[in-house]
Amino acid sequence: MTIEFLPKHVSHSSINSYLRCGKAFELEKVQHYPQTPAWWLLGGSAVHQATEWLDKDEWDDTPESAFHYALFLEVDKAREVEPDDSKWLKAGYGGRAQGYEHWSEKGPRYVRQWYDREWPGGADHSWVELDVSTTLPSGIEIKAYIDRVIVGNSLNWTEIVDLKTGGTRPDSDQQMGIYSVLLREWFRTKFGLPYVADYEIKAFNYMFKDDEFYEVDVRNWTLDTVDQLAQQWMKGVTNGIFLPNRGKLCGTCSVSGGCFLQSGYTDLTRKYDRLNPYYREQ
């Protein structure tokens, strides 16, 4: 059976999801299997939203209250998907599982420490959730929003920052590499400044857990690199190539209920997963 999937655009997250597990990508994006809410995503989204409100001066109360309200909104949306929050995914196991209590304690602290930080002096411009989406030379549309961009001293230095609420540092430069390339294109097309490409863009992941900025080397990333990556991704998904990646990530996968290799012969896997020998049989 051929799957016809024509995505409207590509993004770092879609490429990363596809590479992490093609089967999970297929279940979520192509088969539209209803994802189980995960507390780490709810808490992380609430931290991002609260810090965005604060950095945009759209919140006139405490940083802690910004997080609590943002978490309330995330939980409210999650209940529409799965009303029983006891089924929601948690990081860790047993008594150490990180659910509502964990994020109620960590989230406000994370937002407060971000609010109290000090940026480098001499910044001329800064942007929050900067949209650097564009059309690549191949014609593929790519979507990207950079958490924070800081430019100083008439473009003599530029820093991009991505906020990370997870417990481990990213092991890839892909996200920040793509963002750095798209930022250069954004400067070039918006301000007509082709020489911006001659200046070094420094990229950092800010890890809330460590309260520390970790630099990512993005010097080898070019527009052609990003375009080639986008084309290979597009070729894979439009040809229905979705290889499963069985391993430790399966235990925290939000679509594992629809995966035949993880859940076996069930009504759900027969409905959603082509690997089930009885896929869509009545």
Protein backbone atom coordinates (compact mmCIF):
# COMPACT_ATOMS: atom_id res chain seq x y z
CA MET A 1 0.00 0.00 0.00
CA THR A 2 1.35 3.42 -0.97
CA ILE A 3 1.03 6.31 1.46
CA GLU A 4 0.50 9.68 -0.20
CA PHE A 5 1.92 12.36 2.07
CA LEU A 6 2.68 15.80 0.67
CA PRO A 7 3.93 18.02 3.51
CA LYS A 8 3.49 21.76 3.09
CA HIS A 9 6.86 22.58 4.61
CA VAL A 10 9.88 21.21 6.42
CA SER A 11 11.35 22.23 9.80
CA HIS A 12 14.11 21.15 12.14
CA SER A 13 11.59 19.40 14.38
CA SER A 14 10.07 17.44 11.48
CA ILE A 15 13.51 16.33 10.27
CA ASN A 16 14.55 15.41 13.81
CA SER A 17 11.32 13.48 14.46
CA TYR A 18 11.71 11.60 11.19
CA LEU A 19 15.30 10.64 11.96
CA ARG A 20 14.53 9.68 15.58
CA CYS A 21 11.88 7.18 14.49
CA GLY A 22 10.27 7.03 11.08
CA LYS A 23 7.39 4.93 12.39
CA ALA A 24 6.53 7.43 15.12
CA PHE A 25 6.66 10.21 12.52
CA GLU A 26 4.30 8.26 10.26
CA LEU A 27 1.84 7.52 13.05
CA GLU A 28 1.76 11.15 14.17
CA LYS A 29 1.97 13.13 10.93
CA VAL A 30 0.55 10.77 8.32
CA GLN A 31 -1.85 8.46 10.16
CA HIS A 32 -2.85 11.13 12.72
CA TYR A 33 -2.74 8.80 15.69
CA PRO A 34 -3.91 10.73 18.81
CA GLN A 35 -0.80 11.44 20.89
CA THR A 36 -0.77 10.75 24.61
CA PRO A 37 0.01 13.98 26.51
CA ALA A 38 3.48 14.03 28.06
CA TRP A 39 4.29 16.06 31.16
CA TRP A 40 7.74 17.02 29.91
CA LEU A 41 6.16 18.61 26.84
CA LEU A 42 3.46 20.38 28.87
CA GLY A 43 5.99 21.73 31.38
CA GLY A 44 8.51 22.68 28.72
CA SER A 45 5.88 24.49 26.66
CA ALA A 46 4.72 26.37 29.75
CA VAL A 47 8.28 27.53 30.49
CA HIS A 48 8.71 28.72 26.90
CA GLN A 49 5.39 30.57 26.93
CA ALA A 50 6.02 32.23 30.28
CA THR A 51 9.51 33.43 29.34
CA GLU A 52 8.16 34.73 26.03
CA TRP A 53 5.48 36.77 27.81
CA LEU A 54 8.08 38.22 30.14
CA ASP A 55 10.63 39.05 27.45
CA LYS A 56 7.95 40.72 25.33
CA ASP A 57 6.64 42.69 28.33
CA GLU A 58 3.27 41.02 27.92
CA TRP A 59 3.05 39.91 31.57
CA ASP A 60 2.76 42.36 34.45
CA ASP A 61 2.82 39.91 37.36
CA THR A 62 5.57 37.69 38.80
CA PRO A 63 7.55 35.20 36.68
CA GLU A 64 6.20 32.41 38.86
CA SER A 65 2.60 33.33 38.16
CA ALA A 66 3.35 33.47 34.44
CA PHE A 67 4.47 29.84 34.54
CA HIS A 68 1.50 28.65 36.58
CA TYR A 69 -0.95 30.27 34.19
CA ALA A 70 0.89 28.92 31.14
CA LEU A 71 0.88 25.41 32.65
CA PHE A 72 -2.85 25.72 33.36
CA LEU A 73 -3.45 26.47 29.68
CA GLU A 74 -1.29 23.54 28.55
CA VAL A 75 -3.02 21.12 30.91
CA ASP A 76 -6.42 22.36 29.78
CA LYS A 77 -5.54 21.62 26.13
CA ALA A 78 -4.14 18.21 27.05
CA ARG A 79 -7.38 17.21 28.78
CA GLU A 80 -9.19 17.69 25.49
CA VAL A 81 -6.99 14.93 24.04
CA GLU A 82 -6.94 12.60 27.06
CA PRO A 83 -9.19 13.52 30.02
CA ASP A 84 -7.59 10.93 32.30
CA ASP A 85 -4.31 12.53 33.38
CA SER A 86 -3.20 9.29 35.05
CA LYS A 87 -2.48 8.04 31.53
CA TRP A 88 -0.23 10.97 30.66
CA LEU A 89 3.44 10.18 30.15
CA LYS A 90 6.01 11.05 32.80
CA ALA A 91 9.78 11.10 32.67
CA GLY A 92 11.29 8.64 35.14
CA TYR A 93 9.66 5.75 36.94
CA GLY A 94 7.83 5.03 40.17
CA GLY A 95 8.15 7.65 42.87
CA ARG A 96 10.66 9.59 40.76
CA ALA A 97 8.27 10.02 37.83
CA GLN A 98 8.11 13.68 36.85
CA GLY A 99 4.49 14.77 36.62
CA TYR A 100 2.50 17.73 37.83
CA GLU A 101 4.30 18.03 41.16
CA HIS A 102 7.69 18.06 39.48
CA TRP A 103 6.78 20.85 37.09
CA SER A 104 4.96 22.85 39.73
CA GLU A 105 8.26 22.99 41.61
CA LYS A 106 10.77 23.25 38.73
CA GLY A 107 8.81 25.40 36.32
CA PRO A 108 8.51 28.57 38.44
CA ARG A 109 12.20 28.33 39.36
CA TYR A 110 13.22 27.98 35.72
CA VAL A 111 11.20 31.01 34.67
CA ARG A 112 12.53 33.06 37.59
CA GLN A 113 16.17 32.27 36.79
CA TRP A 114 15.62 33.25 33.16
CA TYR A 115 13.94 36.48 34.22
CA ASP A 116 16.86 37.34 36.54
CA ARG A 117 19.59 36.65 33.97
CA GLU A 118 21.86 39.37 32.56
CA TRP A 119 22.46 39.69 28.83
CA PRO A 120 25.81 40.81 27.42
CA GLY A 121 26.17 44.58 27.23
CA GLY A 122 26.08 46.52 23.99
CA ALA A 123 23.10 44.79 22.40
CA ASP A 124 21.55 46.95 19.70
CA HIS A 125 18.70 44.63 18.79
CA SER A 126 17.01 41.58 20.23
CA TRP A 127 14.14 39.42 19.09
CA VAL A 128 11.91 36.90 20.83
CA GLU A 129 10.62 33.90 18.83
CA LEU A 130 12.00 35.38 15.62
CA ASP A 131 10.36 33.94 12.52
CA VAL A 132 13.12 33.16 10.00
CA SER A 133 11.02 30.93 7.78
CA THR A 134 11.87 31.10 4.08
CA THR A 135 11.83 29.24 0.78
CA LEU A 136 14.98 27.28 0.04
CA PRO A 137 16.67 27.36 -3.39
CA SER A 138 15.03 24.00 -4.22
CA GLY A 139 11.61 25.58 -3.68
CA ILE A 140 10.93 23.78 -0.39
CA GLU A 141 9.41 26.00 2.28
CA ILE A 142 11.14 25.76 5.65
CA LYS A 143 9.64 26.97 8.93
CA ALA A 144 11.78 28.11 11.85
CA TYR A 145 11.35 30.27 14.94
CA ILE A 146 14.46 31.14 16.95
CA ASP A 147 13.79 31.48 20.68
CA ARG A 148 16.10 34.48 21.13
CA VAL A 149 18.33 36.53 18.83
CA ILE A 150 20.69 39.21 20.14
CA VAL A 151 22.65 41.51 17.85
CA GLY A 152 25.16 44.07 19.06
CA ASN A 153 27.51 46.81 17.95
CA SER A 154 26.08 47.30 14.47
CA LEU A 155 26.12 43.58 13.65
CA ASN A 156 29.67 43.06 14.93
CA TRP A 157 28.37 40.13 16.94
CA THR A 158 25.26 38.01 16.81
CA GLU A 159 24.04 35.34 19.21
CA ILE A 160 21.14 32.93 18.90
CA VAL A 161 19.75 31.02 21.87
CA ASP A 162 17.44 28.03 22.11
CA LEU A 163 15.81 27.28 25.46
CA LYS A 164 16.06 23.69 26.68
CA THR A 165 14.02 22.38 29.60
CA GLY A 166 15.15 18.76 29.22
CA GLY A 167 17.66 17.05 31.45
CA THR A 168 20.34 16.26 28.87
CA ARG A 169 22.30 18.44 26.47
CA PRO A 170 21.46 18.01 22.76
CA ASP A 171 23.96 15.74 21.02
CA SER A 172 23.56 17.38 17.60
CA ASP A 173 24.33 20.77 16.04
CA GLN A 174 21.52 20.36 13.52
CA GLN A 175 18.93 22.66 15.06
CA MET A 176 21.27 25.55 15.70
CA GLY A 177 23.03 24.98 12.38
CA ILE A 178 19.77 25.33 10.50
CA TYR A 179 18.79 28.38 12.56
CA SER A 180 22.12 30.12 11.93
CA VAL A 181 21.79 29.65 8.17
CA LEU A 182 18.21 30.89 8.11
CA LEU A 183 19.10 33.90 10.25
CA ARG A 184 21.74 34.96 7.72
CA GLU A 185 19.13 34.68 4.98
CA TRP A 186 16.67 36.68 7.07
CA PHE A 187 19.19 39.49 7.51
CA ARG A 188 20.02 39.44 3.80
CA THR A 189 16.43 39.54 2.56
CA LYS A 190 14.99 41.84 5.22
CA PHE A 191 17.77 44.42 5.45
CA GLY A 192 19.71 43.87 2.23
CA LEU A 193 22.88 43.08 4.14
CA PRO A 194 24.75 40.36 2.25
CA TYR A 195 27.89 41.03 4.29
CA VAL A 196 26.18 39.66 7.40
CA ALA A 197 27.35 36.25 6.22
CA ASP A 198 30.91 37.39 6.86
CA TYR A 199 30.23 37.77 10.58
CA GLU A 200 30.29 34.86 12.95
CA ILE A 201 27.02 33.83 14.51
CA LYS A 202 27.43 32.25 17.91
CA ALA A 203 24.79 29.70 18.86
CA PHE A 204 23.89 28.57 22.36
CA ASN A 205 21.58 26.09 24.02
CA TYR A 206 20.43 27.42 27.36
CA MET A 207 19.91 24.50 29.74
CA PHE A 208 17.50 25.44 32.51
CA LYS A 209 18.56 22.44 34.58
CA ASP A 210 22.17 23.68 34.71
CA ASP A 211 21.35 27.41 34.43
CA GLU A 212 24.07 27.57 31.82
CA PHE A 213 24.63 28.46 28.16
CA TYR A 214 26.38 25.81 26.05
CA GLU A 215 27.89 26.96 22.77
CA VAL A 216 27.23 24.95 19.61
CA ASP A 217 29.68 25.10 16.69
CA VAL A 218 27.67 25.99 13.57
CA ARG A 219 30.51 27.10 11.29
CA ASN A 220 30.13 24.22 8.83
CA TRP A 221 26.46 24.85 8.09
CA THR A 222 25.57 26.48 4.76
CA LEU A 223 22.39 27.22 2.84
CA ASP A 224 23.19 24.37 0.46
CA THR A 225 23.60 21.98 3.41
CA VAL A 226 20.16 22.88 4.75
CA ASP A 227 18.60 22.63 1.30
CA GLN A 228 20.14 19.20 0.66
CA LEU A 229 18.89 17.97 4.04
CA ALA A 230 15.39 19.28 3.30
CA GLN A 231 15.36 17.58 -0.11
CA GLN A 232 16.42 14.22 1.34
CA TRP A 233 13.75 14.49 4.03
CA MET A 234 11.11 15.39 1.45
CA LYS A 235 12.13 12.45 -0.73
CA GLY A 236 11.83 10.03 2.18
CA VAL A 237 8.44 11.14 3.47
CA THR A 238 6.79 11.53 0.06
CA ASN A 239 7.91 8.01 -0.89
CA GLY A 240 6.49 6.55 2.31
CA ILE A 241 9.82 5.51 3.81
CA PHE A 242 9.20 5.32 7.57
CA LEU A 243 11.64 2.99 9.28
CA PRO A 244 10.99 2.18 12.97
CA ASN A 245 13.81 2.77 15.45
CA ARG A 246 13.26 0.24 18.20
CA GLY A 247 15.00 1.06 21.46
CA LYS A 248 14.88 2.94 24.73
CA LEU A 249 12.81 5.78 23.27
CA CYS A 250 9.83 3.46 22.78
CA GLY A 251 8.97 3.60 26.48
CA THR A 252 8.32 7.34 26.33
CA CYS A 253 6.80 7.50 22.84
CA SER A 254 3.48 9.34 22.72
CA VAL A 255 2.18 7.23 19.79
CA SER A 256 3.39 3.80 20.92
CA GLY A 257 -0.21 2.60 21.30
CA GLY A 258 -0.54 2.63 17.53
CA CYS A 259 2.81 0.95 16.84
CA PHE A 260 2.63 -2.76 15.98
CA LEU A 261 6.21 -3.51 17.08
CA GLN A 262 5.56 -1.92 20.47
CA SER A 263 1.93 -2.84 21.15
CA GLY A 264 1.37 -5.95 19.04
CA TYR A 265 -1.95 -7.19 17.60
CA THR A 266 -4.53 -4.65 18.74
CA ASP A 267 -7.43 -2.83 17.15
CA LEU A 268 -5.39 0.37 17.22
CA THR A 269 -2.34 -1.06 15.48
CA ARG A 270 -4.58 -2.70 12.87
CA LYS A 271 -6.12 0.72 12.23
CA TYR A 272 -2.95 2.83 12.21
CA ASP A 273 0.18 0.76 11.51
CA ARG A 274 0.99 -0.76 8.12
CA LEU A 275 3.37 -3.21 9.82
CA ASN A 276 0.41 -5.01 11.36
CA PRO A 277 -0.27 -7.94 8.99
CA TYR A 278 -4.00 -7.25 9.36
CA TYR A 279 -3.71 -3.52 8.70
CA ARG A 280 -7.17 -2.08 8.07
CA GLU A 281 -8.79 -5.44 7.61
CA GLN A 282 -12.38 -5.57 8.77
